[in-house]
mmCIF file of all heavy atoms, coordinates in Angstrom:
data_MODEL
# 
_entry.id   MODEL 
# 
loop_
_atom_site.group_PDB 
_atom_site.id 
_atom_site.type_symbol 
_atom_site.label_atom_id 
_atom_site.label_alt_id 
_atom_site.label_comp_id 
_atom_site.label_asym_id 
_atom_site.label_entity_id 
_atom_site.label_seq_id 
_atom_site.pdbx_PDB_ins_code 
_atom_site.Cartn_x 
_atom_site.Cartn_y 
_atom_site.Cartn_z 
_atom_site.occupancy 
_atom_site.B_iso_or_equiv 
_atom_site.pdbx_formal_charge 
_atom_site.auth_seq_id 
_atom_site.auth_comp_id 
_atom_site.auth_asym_id 
_atom_site.auth_atom_id 
_atom_site.pdbx_PDB_model_num 
ATOM 1   N N   . SER A 1 1  ? -17.241 9.734   -3.669 1.00 0.00 ? 1  SER A N   1 
ATOM 2   C CA  . SER A 1 1  ? -18.144 10.348  -2.681 1.00 0.00 ? 1  SER A CA  1 
ATOM 3   C C   . SER A 1 1  ? -18.116 9.524   -1.390 1.00 0.00 ? 1  SER A C   1 
ATOM 4   O O   . SER A 1 1  ? -17.680 8.374   -1.395 1.00 0.00 ? 1  SER A O   1 
ATOM 5   C CB  . SER A 1 1  ? -19.559 10.395  -3.235 1.00 0.00 ? 1  SER A CB  1 
ATOM 6   O OG  . SER A 1 1  ? -20.089 9.058   -3.313 1.00 0.00 ? 1  SER A OG  1 
ATOM 7   N N   . LYS A 1 2  ? -18.624 10.134  -0.325 1.00 0.00 ? 2  LYS A N   1 
ATOM 8   C CA  . LYS A 1 2  ? -18.741 9.402   0.941  1.00 0.00 ? 2  LYS A CA  1 
ATOM 9   C C   . LYS A 1 2  ? -19.583 8.160   0.783  1.00 0.00 ? 2  LYS A C   1 
ATOM 10  O O   . LYS A 1 2  ? -19.286 7.105   1.367  1.00 0.00 ? 2  LYS A O   1 
ATOM 11  C CB  . LYS A 1 2  ? -19.359 10.306  2.032  1.00 0.00 ? 2  LYS A CB  1 
ATOM 12  C CG  . LYS A 1 2  ? -18.442 11.406  2.512  1.00 0.00 ? 2  LYS A CG  1 
ATOM 13  C CD  . LYS A 1 2  ? -19.141 12.252  3.562  1.00 0.00 ? 2  LYS A CD  1 
ATOM 14  C CE  . LYS A 1 2  ? -18.255 13.417  3.961  1.00 0.00 ? 2  LYS A CE  1 
ATOM 15  N NZ  . LYS A 1 2  ? -18.888 14.299  4.945  1.00 0.00 ? 2  LYS A NZ  1 
ATOM 16  N N   . GLU A 1 3  ? -20.651 8.265   0.003  1.00 0.00 ? 3  GLU A N   1 
ATOM 17  C CA  . GLU A 1 3  ? -21.558 7.117   -0.234 1.00 0.00 ? 3  GLU A CA  1 
ATOM 18  C C   . GLU A 1 3  ? -20.802 5.997   -0.924 1.00 0.00 ? 3  GLU A C   1 
ATOM 19  O O   . GLU A 1 3  ? -20.982 4.823   -0.564 1.00 0.00 ? 3  GLU A O   1 
ATOM 20  C CB  . GLU A 1 3  ? -22.772 7.553   -1.058 1.00 0.00 ? 3  GLU A CB  1 
ATOM 21  C CG  . GLU A 1 3  ? -23.704 8.495   -0.342 1.00 0.00 ? 3  GLU A CG  1 
ATOM 22  C CD  . GLU A 1 3  ? -23.233 9.966   -0.370 1.00 0.00 ? 3  GLU A CD  1 
ATOM 23  O OE1 . GLU A 1 3  ? -22.368 10.343  -1.195 1.00 0.00 ? 3  GLU A OE1 1 
ATOM 24  O OE2 . GLU A 1 3  ? -23.714 10.743  0.470  1.00 0.00 ? 3  GLU A OE2 1 
ATOM 25  N N   . ASP A 1 4  ? -19.992 6.351   -1.924 1.00 0.00 ? 4  ASP A N   1 
ATOM 26  C CA  . ASP A 1 4  ? -19.247 5.303   -2.641 1.00 0.00 ? 4  ASP A CA  1 
ATOM 27  C C   . ASP A 1 4  ? -18.198 4.658   -1.742 1.00 0.00 ? 4  ASP A C   1 
ATOM 28  O O   . ASP A 1 4  ? -17.987 3.446   -1.802 1.00 0.00 ? 4  ASP A O   1 
ATOM 29  C CB  . ASP A 1 4  ? -18.556 5.892   -3.877 1.00 0.00 ? 4  ASP A CB  1 
ATOM 30  C CG  . ASP A 1 4  ? -19.505 6.053   -5.066 1.00 0.00 ? 4  ASP A CG  1 
ATOM 31  O OD1 . ASP A 1 4  ? -20.582 5.426   -5.053 1.00 0.00 ? 4  ASP A OD1 1 
ATOM 32  O OD2 . ASP A 1 4  ? -19.165 6.795   -5.998 1.00 0.00 ? 4  ASP A OD2 1 
ATOM 33  N N   . ILE A 1 5  ? -17.580 5.461   -0.895 1.00 0.00 ? 5  ILE A N   1 
ATOM 34  C CA  . ILE A 1 5  ? -16.577 4.919   0.039  1.00 0.00 ? 5  ILE A CA  1 
ATOM 35  C C   . ILE A 1 5  ? -17.253 3.944   1.018  1.00 0.00 ? 5  ILE A C   1 
ATOM 36  O O   . ILE A 1 5  ? -16.743 2.847   1.253  1.00 0.00 ? 5  ILE A O   1 
ATOM 37  C CB  . ILE A 1 5  ? -15.845 6.034   0.783  1.00 0.00 ? 5  ILE A CB  1 
ATOM 38  C CG1 . ILE A 1 5  ? -15.005 6.858   -0.221 1.00 0.00 ? 5  ILE A CG1 1 
ATOM 39  C CG2 . ILE A 1 5  ? -14.942 5.473   1.879  1.00 0.00 ? 5  ILE A CG2 1 
ATOM 40  C CD1 . ILE A 1 5  ? -14.412 8.160   0.354  1.00 0.00 ? 5  ILE A CD1 1 
ATOM 41  N N   . CYS A 1 6  ? -18.404 4.312   1.512  1.00 0.00 ? 6  CYS A N   1 
ATOM 42  C CA  . CYS A 1 6  ? -19.145 3.408   2.418  1.00 0.00 ? 6  CYS A CA  1 
ATOM 43  C C   . CYS A 1 6  ? -19.563 2.136   1.680  1.00 0.00 ? 6  CYS A C   1 
ATOM 44  O O   . CYS A 1 6  ? -19.523 1.055   2.253  1.00 0.00 ? 6  CYS A O   1 
ATOM 45  C CB  . CYS A 1 6  ? -20.370 4.123   2.988  1.00 0.00 ? 6  CYS A CB  1 
ATOM 46  S SG  . CYS A 1 6  ? -19.962 5.396   4.187  1.00 0.00 ? 6  CYS A SG  1 
ATOM 47  N N   . PHE A 1 7  ? -19.949 2.280   0.427  1.00 0.00 ? 7  PHE A N   1 
ATOM 48  C CA  . PHE A 1 7  ? -20.325 1.139   -0.375 1.00 0.00 ? 7  PHE A CA  1 
ATOM 49  C C   . PHE A 1 7  ? -19.138 0.185   -0.573 1.00 0.00 ? 7  PHE A C   1 
ATOM 50  O O   . PHE A 1 7  ? -19.264 -1.029  -0.446 1.00 0.00 ? 7  PHE A O   1 
ATOM 51  C CB  . PHE A 1 7  ? -20.902 1.589   -1.715 1.00 0.00 ? 7  PHE A CB  1 
ATOM 52  C CG  . PHE A 1 7  ? -21.315 0.471   -2.628 1.00 0.00 ? 7  PHE A CG  1 
ATOM 53  C CD1 . PHE A 1 7  ? -22.301 -0.440  -2.235 1.00 0.00 ? 7  PHE A CD1 1 
ATOM 54  C CD2 . PHE A 1 7  ? -20.760 0.349   -3.875 1.00 0.00 ? 7  PHE A CD2 1 
ATOM 55  C CE1 . PHE A 1 7  ? -22.685 -1.470  -3.081 1.00 0.00 ? 7  PHE A CE1 1 
ATOM 56  C CE2 . PHE A 1 7  ? -21.147 -0.665  -4.727 1.00 0.00 ? 7  PHE A CE2 1 
ATOM 57  C CZ  . PHE A 1 7  ? -22.129 -1.582  -4.332 1.00 0.00 ? 7  PHE A CZ  1 
ATOM 58  N N   . LEU A 1 8  ? -17.940 0.737   -0.830 1.00 0.00 ? 8  LEU A N   1 
ATOM 59  C CA  . LEU A 1 8  ? -16.737 -0.068  -0.973 1.00 0.00 ? 8  LEU A CA  1 
ATOM 60  C C   . LEU A 1 8  ? -16.406 -0.785  0.335  1.00 0.00 ? 8  LEU A C   1 
ATOM 61  O O   . LEU A 1 8  ? -16.032 -1.966  0.340  1.00 0.00 ? 8  LEU A O   1 
ATOM 62  C CB  . LEU A 1 8  ? -15.563 0.798   -1.433 1.00 0.00 ? 8  LEU A CB  1 
ATOM 63  C CG  . LEU A 1 8  ? -15.618 1.258   -2.895 1.00 0.00 ? 8  LEU A CG  1 
ATOM 64  C CD1 . LEU A 1 8  ? -14.604 2.359   -3.146 1.00 0.00 ? 8  LEU A CD1 1 
ATOM 65  C CD2 . LEU A 1 8  ? -15.417 0.073   -3.835 1.00 0.00 ? 8  LEU A CD2 1 
ATOM 66  N N   . GLN A 1 9  ? -16.575 -0.087  1.445  1.00 0.00 ? 9  GLN A N   1 
ATOM 67  C CA  . GLN A 1 9  ? -16.361 -0.711  2.751  1.00 0.00 ? 9  GLN A CA  1 
ATOM 68  C C   . GLN A 1 9  ? -17.319 -1.905  2.961  1.00 0.00 ? 9  GLN A C   1 
ATOM 69  O O   . GLN A 1 9  ? -16.920 -2.937  3.464  1.00 0.00 ? 9  GLN A O   1 
ATOM 70  C CB  . GLN A 1 9  ? -16.594 0.294   3.878  1.00 0.00 ? 9  GLN A CB  1 
ATOM 71  C CG  . GLN A 1 9  ? -15.464 1.226   4.124  1.00 0.00 ? 9  GLN A CG  1 
ATOM 72  C CD  . GLN A 1 9  ? -15.767 2.048   5.384  1.00 0.00 ? 9  GLN A CD  1 
ATOM 73  O OE1 . GLN A 1 9  ? -16.539 2.997   5.313  1.00 0.00 ? 9  GLN A OE1 1 
ATOM 74  N NE2 . GLN A 1 9  ? -15.182 1.662   6.478  1.00 0.00 ? 9  GLN A NE2 1 
ATOM 75  N N   . LYS A 1 10 ? -18.557 -1.696  2.558  1.00 0.00 ? 10 LYS A N   1 
ATOM 76  C CA  . LYS A 1 10 ? -19.565 -2.747  2.699  1.00 0.00 ? 10 LYS A CA  1 
ATOM 77  C C   . LYS A 1 10 ? -19.170 -3.966  1.874  1.00 0.00 ? 10 LYS A C   1 
ATOM 78  O O   . LYS A 1 10 ? -19.298 -5.114  2.338  1.00 0.00 ? 10 LYS A O   1 
ATOM 79  C CB  . LYS A 1 10 ? -20.933 -2.202  2.254  1.00 0.00 ? 10 LYS A CB  1 
ATOM 80  C CG  . LYS A 1 10 ? -22.065 -3.168  2.398  1.00 0.00 ? 10 LYS A CG  1 
ATOM 81  C CD  . LYS A 1 10 ? -23.370 -2.531  1.969  1.00 0.00 ? 10 LYS A CD  1 
ATOM 82  C CE  . LYS A 1 10 ? -24.482 -3.575  2.019  1.00 0.00 ? 10 LYS A CE  1 
ATOM 83  N NZ  . LYS A 1 10 ? -25.747 -3.078  1.493  1.00 0.00 ? 10 LYS A NZ  1 
ATOM 84  N N   . ILE A 1 11 ? -18.688 -3.736  0.653  1.00 0.00 ? 11 ILE A N   1 
ATOM 85  C CA  . ILE A 1 11 ? -18.258 -4.867  -0.194 1.00 0.00 ? 11 ILE A CA  1 
ATOM 86  C C   . ILE A 1 11 ? -17.083 -5.590  0.450  1.00 0.00 ? 11 ILE A C   1 
ATOM 87  O O   . ILE A 1 11 ? -17.043 -6.828  0.490  1.00 0.00 ? 11 ILE A O   1 
ATOM 88  C CB  . ILE A 1 11 ? -17.857 -4.367  -1.602 1.00 0.00 ? 11 ILE A CB  1 
ATOM 89  C CG1 . ILE A 1 11 ? -19.085 -3.845  -2.351 1.00 0.00 ? 11 ILE A CG1 1 
ATOM 90  C CG2 . ILE A 1 11 ? -17.181 -5.495  -2.404 1.00 0.00 ? 11 ILE A CG2 1 
ATOM 91  C CD1 . ILE A 1 11 ? -18.752 -3.150  -3.659 1.00 0.00 ? 11 ILE A CD1 1 
ATOM 92  N N   . LEU A 1 12 ? -16.113 -4.819  0.953  1.00 0.00 ? 12 LEU A N   1 
ATOM 93  C CA  . LEU A 1 12 ? -14.934 -5.427  1.610  1.00 0.00 ? 12 LEU A CA  1 
ATOM 94  C C   . LEU A 1 12 ? -15.376 -6.312  2.772  1.00 0.00 ? 12 LEU A C   1 
ATOM 95  O O   . LEU A 1 12 ? -14.874 -7.423  2.937  1.00 0.00 ? 12 LEU A O   1 
ATOM 96  C CB  . LEU A 1 12 ? -13.974 -4.349  2.100  1.00 0.00 ? 12 LEU A CB  1 
ATOM 97  C CG  . LEU A 1 12 ? -13.199 -3.591  1.034  1.00 0.00 ? 12 LEU A CG  1 
ATOM 98  C CD1 . LEU A 1 12 ? -12.405 -2.447  1.653  1.00 0.00 ? 12 LEU A CD1 1 
ATOM 99  C CD2 . LEU A 1 12 ? -12.288 -4.515  0.248  1.00 0.00 ? 12 LEU A CD2 1 
ATOM 100 N N   . LEU A 1 13 ? -16.330 -5.837  3.535  1.00 0.00 ? 13 LEU A N   1 
ATOM 101 C CA  . LEU A 1 13 ? -16.775 -6.605  4.702  1.00 0.00 ? 13 LEU A CA  1 
ATOM 102 C C   . LEU A 1 13 ? -17.614 -7.814  4.302  1.00 0.00 ? 13 LEU A C   1 
ATOM 103 O O   . LEU A 1 13 ? -17.361 -8.930  4.730  1.00 0.00 ? 13 LEU A O   1 
ATOM 104 C CB  . LEU A 1 13 ? -17.568 -5.708  5.661  1.00 0.00 ? 13 LEU A CB  1 
ATOM 105 C CG  . LEU A 1 13 ? -18.056 -6.353  6.942  1.00 0.00 ? 13 LEU A CG  1 
ATOM 106 C CD1 . LEU A 1 13 ? -16.884 -6.870  7.781  1.00 0.00 ? 13 LEU A CD1 1 
ATOM 107 C CD2 . LEU A 1 13 ? -18.905 -5.386  7.750  1.00 0.00 ? 13 LEU A CD2 1 
ATOM 108 N N   . GLU A 1 14 ? -18.637 -7.590  3.455  1.00 0.00 ? 14 GLU A N   1 
ATOM 109 C CA  . GLU A 1 14 ? -19.580 -8.666  3.123  1.00 0.00 ? 14 GLU A CA  1 
ATOM 110 C C   . GLU A 1 14 ? -18.969 -9.718  2.214  1.00 0.00 ? 14 GLU A C   1 
ATOM 111 O O   . GLU A 1 14 ? -19.274 -10.913 2.365  1.00 0.00 ? 14 GLU A O   1 
ATOM 112 C CB  . GLU A 1 14 ? -20.842 -8.080  2.509  1.00 0.00 ? 14 GLU A CB  1 
ATOM 113 C CG  . GLU A 1 14 ? -21.660 -7.301  3.505  1.00 0.00 ? 14 GLU A CG  1 
ATOM 114 C CD  . GLU A 1 14 ? -22.911 -6.664  2.912  1.00 0.00 ? 14 GLU A CD  1 
ATOM 115 O OE1 . GLU A 1 14 ? -23.166 -6.815  1.687  1.00 0.00 ? 14 GLU A OE1 1 
ATOM 116 O OE2 . GLU A 1 14 ? -23.636 -6.002  3.687  1.00 0.00 ? 14 GLU A OE2 1 
ATOM 117 N N   . LYS A 1 15 ? -18.147 -9.319  1.263  1.00 0.00 ? 15 LYS A N   1 
ATOM 118 C CA  . LYS A 1 15 ? -17.623 -10.291 0.321  1.00 0.00 ? 15 LYS A CA  1 
ATOM 119 C C   . LYS A 1 15 ? -16.327 -10.937 0.804  1.00 0.00 ? 15 LYS A C   1 
ATOM 120 O O   . LYS A 1 15 ? -16.083 -12.107 0.582  1.00 0.00 ? 15 LYS A O   1 
ATOM 121 C CB  . LYS A 1 15 ? -17.378 -9.633  -1.047 1.00 0.00 ? 15 LYS A CB  1 
ATOM 122 C CG  . LYS A 1 15 ? -16.859 -10.624 -2.047 1.00 0.00 ? 15 LYS A CG  1 
ATOM 123 C CD  . LYS A 1 15 ? -17.002 -10.182 -3.471 1.00 0.00 ? 15 LYS A CD  1 
ATOM 124 C CE  . LYS A 1 15 ? -16.579 -11.334 -4.353 1.00 0.00 ? 15 LYS A CE  1 
ATOM 125 N NZ  . LYS A 1 15 ? -16.786 -11.070 -5.731 1.00 0.00 ? 15 LYS A NZ  1 
ATOM 126 N N   . PHE A 1 16 ? -15.477 -10.147 1.491  1.00 0.00 ? 16 PHE A N   1 
ATOM 127 C CA  . PHE A 1 16 ? -14.138 -10.646 1.856  1.00 0.00 ? 16 PHE A CA  1 
ATOM 128 C C   . PHE A 1 16 ? -13.915 -10.746 3.358  1.00 0.00 ? 16 PHE A C   1 
ATOM 129 O O   . PHE A 1 16 ? -12.834 -11.165 3.766  1.00 0.00 ? 16 PHE A O   1 
ATOM 130 C CB  . PHE A 1 16 ? -13.069 -9.751  1.231  1.00 0.00 ? 16 PHE A CB  1 
ATOM 131 C CG  . PHE A 1 16 ? -13.123 -9.642  -0.263 1.00 0.00 ? 16 PHE A CG  1 
ATOM 132 C CD1 . PHE A 1 16 ? -13.568 -8.466  -0.878 1.00 0.00 ? 16 PHE A CD1 1 
ATOM 133 C CD2 . PHE A 1 16 ? -12.770 -10.704 -1.064 1.00 0.00 ? 16 PHE A CD2 1 
ATOM 134 C CE1 . PHE A 1 16 ? -13.608 -8.358  -2.258 1.00 0.00 ? 16 PHE A CE1 1 
ATOM 135 C CE2 . PHE A 1 16 ? -12.797 -10.607 -2.442 1.00 0.00 ? 16 PHE A CE2 1 
ATOM 136 C CZ  . PHE A 1 16 ? -13.231 -9.432  -3.034 1.00 0.00 ? 16 PHE A CZ  1 
ATOM 137 N N   . ASN A 1 17 ? -14.865 -10.290 4.151  1.00 0.00 ? 17 ASN A N   1 
ATOM 138 C CA  . ASN A 1 17 ? -14.718 -10.251 5.603  1.00 0.00 ? 17 ASN A CA  1 
ATOM 139 C C   . ASN A 1 17 ? -13.508 -9.379  6.015  1.00 0.00 ? 17 ASN A C   1 
ATOM 140 O O   . ASN A 1 17 ? -12.773 -9.732  6.931  1.00 0.00 ? 17 ASN A O   1 
ATOM 141 C CB  . ASN A 1 17 ? -14.602 -11.662 6.203  1.00 0.00 ? 17 ASN A CB  1 
ATOM 142 C CG  . ASN A 1 17 ? -14.846 -11.654 7.696  1.00 0.00 ? 17 ASN A CG  1 
ATOM 143 O OD1 . ASN A 1 17 ? -15.589 -10.826 8.220  1.00 0.00 ? 17 ASN A OD1 1 
ATOM 144 N ND2 . ASN A 1 17 ? -14.188 -12.554 8.407  1.00 0.00 ? 17 ASN A ND2 1 
ATOM 145 N N   . ILE A 1 18 ? -13.353 -8.283  5.329  1.00 0.00 ? 18 ILE A N   1 
ATOM 146 C CA  . ILE A 1 18 ? -12.297 -7.317  5.637  1.00 0.00 ? 18 ILE A CA  1 
ATOM 147 C C   . ILE A 1 18 ? -12.927 -6.118  6.320  1.00 0.00 ? 18 ILE A C   1 
ATOM 148 O O   . ILE A 1 18 ? -13.748 -5.417  5.743  1.00 0.00 ? 18 ILE A O   1 
ATOM 149 C CB  . ILE A 1 18 ? -11.552 -6.893  4.347  1.00 0.00 ? 18 ILE A CB  1 
ATOM 150 C CG1 . ILE A 1 18 ? -10.825 -8.085  3.734  1.00 0.00 ? 18 ILE A CG1 1 
ATOM 151 C CG2 . ILE A 1 18 ? -10.567 -5.763  4.646  1.00 0.00 ? 18 ILE A CG2 1 
ATOM 152 C CD1 . ILE A 1 18 ? -10.251 -7.827  2.354  1.00 0.00 ? 18 ILE A CD1 1 
ATOM 153 N N   . LYS A 1 19 ? -12.510 -5.911  7.564  1.00 0.00 ? 19 LYS A N   1 
ATOM 154 C CA  . LYS A 1 19 ? -13.011 -4.773  8.331  1.00 0.00 ? 19 LYS A CA  1 
ATOM 155 C C   . LYS A 1 19 ? -12.163 -3.551  8.033  1.00 0.00 ? 19 LYS A C   1 
ATOM 156 O O   . LYS A 1 19 ? -10.939 -3.655  7.897  1.00 0.00 ? 19 LYS A O   1 
ATOM 157 C CB  . LYS A 1 19 ? -12.980 -5.102  9.830  1.00 0.00 ? 19 LYS A CB  1 
ATOM 158 C CG  . LYS A 1 19 ? -13.915 -6.252  10.184 1.00 0.00 ? 19 LYS A CG  1 
ATOM 159 C CD  . LYS A 1 19 ? -13.800 -6.629  11.629 1.00 0.00 ? 19 LYS A CD  1 
ATOM 160 C CE  . LYS A 1 19 ? -14.723 -7.814  11.870 1.00 0.00 ? 19 LYS A CE  1 
ATOM 161 N NZ  . LYS A 1 19 ? -14.388 -8.545  13.051 1.00 0.00 ? 19 LYS A NZ  1 
ATOM 162 N N   . SER A 1 20 ? -12.824 -2.407  7.938  1.00 0.00 ? 20 SER A N   1 
ATOM 163 C CA  . SER A 1 20 ? -12.112 -1.174  7.599  1.00 0.00 ? 20 SER A CA  1 
ATOM 164 C C   . SER A 1 20 ? -12.770 0.014   8.297  1.00 0.00 ? 20 SER A C   1 
ATOM 165 O O   . SER A 1 20 ? -13.872 -0.068  8.828  1.00 0.00 ? 20 SER A O   1 
ATOM 166 C CB  . SER A 1 20 ? -12.093 -0.954  6.099  1.00 0.00 ? 20 SER A CB  1 
ATOM 167 O OG  . SER A 1 20 ? -13.404 -0.792  5.612  1.00 0.00 ? 20 SER A OG  1 
ATOM 168 N N   . SER A 1 21 ? -12.070 1.130   8.232  1.00 0.00 ? 21 SER A N   1 
ATOM 169 C CA  . SER A 1 21 ? -12.628 2.399   8.713  1.00 0.00 ? 21 SER A CA  1 
ATOM 170 C C   . SER A 1 21 ? -12.260 3.443   7.677  1.00 0.00 ? 21 SER A C   1 
ATOM 171 O O   . SER A 1 21 ? -11.517 3.193   6.741  1.00 0.00 ? 21 SER A O   1 
ATOM 172 C CB  . SER A 1 21 ? -12.046 2.753   10.081 1.00 0.00 ? 21 SER A CB  1 
ATOM 173 O OG  . SER A 1 21 ? -10.653 2.857   10.016 1.00 0.00 ? 21 SER A OG  1 
ATOM 174 N N   . VAL A 1 22 ? -12.821 4.642   7.853  1.00 0.00 ? 22 VAL A N   1 
ATOM 175 C CA  . VAL A 1 22 ? -12.511 5.718   6.919  1.00 0.00 ? 22 VAL A CA  1 
ATOM 176 C C   . VAL A 1 22 ? -11.636 6.720   7.641  1.00 0.00 ? 22 VAL A C   1 
ATOM 177 O O   . VAL A 1 22 ? -11.941 7.167   8.745  1.00 0.00 ? 22 VAL A O   1 
ATOM 178 C CB  . VAL A 1 22 ? -13.807 6.395   6.407  1.00 0.00 ? 22 VAL A CB  1 
ATOM 179 C CG1 . VAL A 1 22 ? -13.491 7.570   5.481  1.00 0.00 ? 22 VAL A CG1 1 
ATOM 180 C CG2 . VAL A 1 22 ? -14.679 5.399   5.676  1.00 0.00 ? 22 VAL A CG2 1 
ATOM 181 N N   . LYS A 1 23 ? -10.538 7.066   6.973  1.00 0.00 ? 23 LYS A N   1 
ATOM 182 C CA  . LYS A 1 23 ? -9.565  8.014   7.521  1.00 0.00 ? 23 LYS A CA  1 
ATOM 183 C C   . LYS A 1 23 ? -9.689  9.331   6.742  1.00 0.00 ? 23 LYS A C   1 
ATOM 184 O O   . LYS A 1 23 ? -9.686  9.329   5.513  1.00 0.00 ? 23 LYS A O   1 
ATOM 185 C CB  . LYS A 1 23 ? -8.167  7.443   7.393  1.00 0.00 ? 23 LYS A CB  1 
ATOM 186 C CG  . LYS A 1 23 ? -7.082  8.348   7.884  1.00 0.00 ? 23 LYS A CG  1 
ATOM 187 C CD  . LYS A 1 23 ? -5.716  7.748   7.626  1.00 0.00 ? 23 LYS A CD  1 
ATOM 188 C CE  . LYS A 1 23 ? -4.676  8.751   8.048  1.00 0.00 ? 23 LYS A CE  1 
ATOM 189 N NZ  . LYS A 1 23 ? -3.366  8.438   7.582  1.00 0.00 ? 23 LYS A NZ  1 
ATOM 190 N N   . ASN A 1 24 ? -9.794  10.425  7.452  1.00 0.00 ? 24 ASN A N   1 
ATOM 191 C CA  . ASN A 1 24 ? -9.875  11.762  6.829  1.00 0.00 ? 24 ASN A CA  1 
ATOM 192 C C   . ASN A 1 24 ? -10.970 11.868  5.795  1.00 0.00 ? 24 ASN A C   1 
ATOM 193 O O   . ASN A 1 24 ? -10.833 12.605  4.822  1.00 0.00 ? 24 ASN A O   1 
ATOM 194 C CB  . ASN A 1 24 ? -8.527  12.153  6.225  1.00 0.00 ? 24 ASN A CB  1 
ATOM 195 C CG  . ASN A 1 24 ? -7.411  12.192  7.228  1.00 0.00 ? 24 ASN A CG  1 
ATOM 196 O OD1 . ASN A 1 24 ? -7.647  12.396  8.414  1.00 0.00 ? 24 ASN A OD1 1 
ATOM 197 N ND2 . ASN A 1 24 ? -6.202  11.983  6.770  1.00 0.00 ? 24 ASN A ND2 1 
ATOM 198 N N   . GLU A 1 25 ? -12.027 11.111  5.933  1.00 0.00 ? 25 GLU A N   1 
ATOM 199 C CA  . GLU A 1 25 ? -13.182 11.117  5.034  1.00 0.00 ? 25 GLU A CA  1 
ATOM 200 C C   . GLU A 1 25 ? -12.843 10.756  3.594  1.00 0.00 ? 25 GLU A C   1 
ATOM 201 O O   . GLU A 1 25 ? -13.667 10.893  2.700  1.00 0.00 ? 25 GLU A O   1 
ATOM 202 C CB  . GLU A 1 25 ? -13.889 12.475  5.066  1.00 0.00 ? 25 GLU A CB  1 
ATOM 203 C CG  . GLU A 1 25 ? -14.460 12.838  6.410  1.00 0.00 ? 25 GLU A CG  1 
ATOM 204 C CD  . GLU A 1 25 ? -15.258 14.127  6.391  1.00 0.00 ? 25 GLU A CD  1 
ATOM 205 O OE1 . GLU A 1 25 ? -15.601 14.619  5.293  1.00 0.00 ? 25 GLU A OE1 1 
ATOM 206 O OE2 . GLU A 1 25 ? -15.548 14.631  7.483  1.00 0.00 ? 25 GLU A OE2 1 
ATOM 207 N N   . SER A 1 26 ? -11.602 10.328  3.319  1.00 0.00 ? 26 SER A N   1 
ATOM 208 C CA  . SER A 1 26 ? -11.268 10.066  1.919  1.00 0.00 ? 26 SER A CA  1 
ATOM 209 C C   . SER A 1 26 ? -10.362 8.862   1.686  1.00 0.00 ? 26 SER A C   1 
ATOM 210 O O   . SER A 1 26 ? -9.943  8.630   0.559  1.00 0.00 ? 26 SER A O   1 
ATOM 211 C CB  . SER A 1 26 ? -10.584 11.307  1.313  1.00 0.00 ? 26 SER A CB  1 
ATOM 212 O OG  . SER A 1 26 ? -9.367  11.540  1.987  1.00 0.00 ? 26 SER A OG  1 
ATOM 213 N N   . LYS A 1 27 ? -10.078 8.113   2.736  1.00 0.00 ? 27 LYS A N   1 
ATOM 214 C CA  . LYS A 1 27 ? -9.208  6.957   2.581  1.00 0.00 ? 27 LYS A CA  1 
ATOM 215 C C   . LYS A 1 27 ? -9.782  5.783   3.382  1.00 0.00 ? 27 LYS A C   1 
ATOM 216 O O   . LYS A 1 27 ? -10.247 5.967   4.485  1.00 0.00 ? 27 LYS A O   1 
ATOM 217 C CB  . LYS A 1 27 ? -7.807  7.265   3.085  1.00 0.00 ? 27 LYS A CB  1 
ATOM 218 C CG  . LYS A 1 27 ? -7.107  8.334   2.225  1.00 0.00 ? 27 LYS A CG  1 
ATOM 219 C CD  . LYS A 1 27 ? -5.772  8.683   2.793  1.00 0.00 ? 27 LYS A CD  1 
ATOM 220 C CE  . LYS A 1 27 ? -5.065  9.802   2.083  1.00 0.00 ? 27 LYS A CE  1 
ATOM 221 N NZ  . LYS A 1 27 ? -5.664  10.500  1.003  1.00 0.00 ? 27 LYS A NZ  1 
ATOM 222 N N   . ILE A 1 28 ? -9.730  4.609   2.780  1.00 0.00 ? 28 ILE A N   1 
ATOM 223 C CA  . ILE A 1 28 ? -10.166 3.412   3.477  1.00 0.00 ? 28 ILE A CA  1 
ATOM 224 C C   . ILE A 1 28 ? -8.947  2.824   4.186  1.00 0.00 ? 28 ILE A C   1 
ATOM 225 O O   . ILE A 1 28 ? -7.905  2.600   3.574  1.00 0.00 ? 28 ILE A O   1 
ATOM 226 C CB  . ILE A 1 28 ? -10.770 2.374   2.513  1.00 0.00 ? 28 ILE A CB  1 
ATOM 227 C CG1 . ILE A 1 28 ? -12.102 2.930   1.959  1.00 0.00 ? 28 ILE A CG1 1 
ATOM 228 C CG2 . ILE A 1 28 ? -11.008 1.051   3.230  1.00 0.00 ? 28 ILE A CG2 1 
ATOM 229 C CD1 . ILE A 1 28 ? -12.772 2.028   0.961  1.00 0.00 ? 28 ILE A CD1 1 
# 
């Protein structure tokens, strides 16, 4: 889901300092 994708992005940023965006609403 979009919520899960946003949650994964948050983990990437907060835990690993990896910045990301969402492409086509379904890919990080």
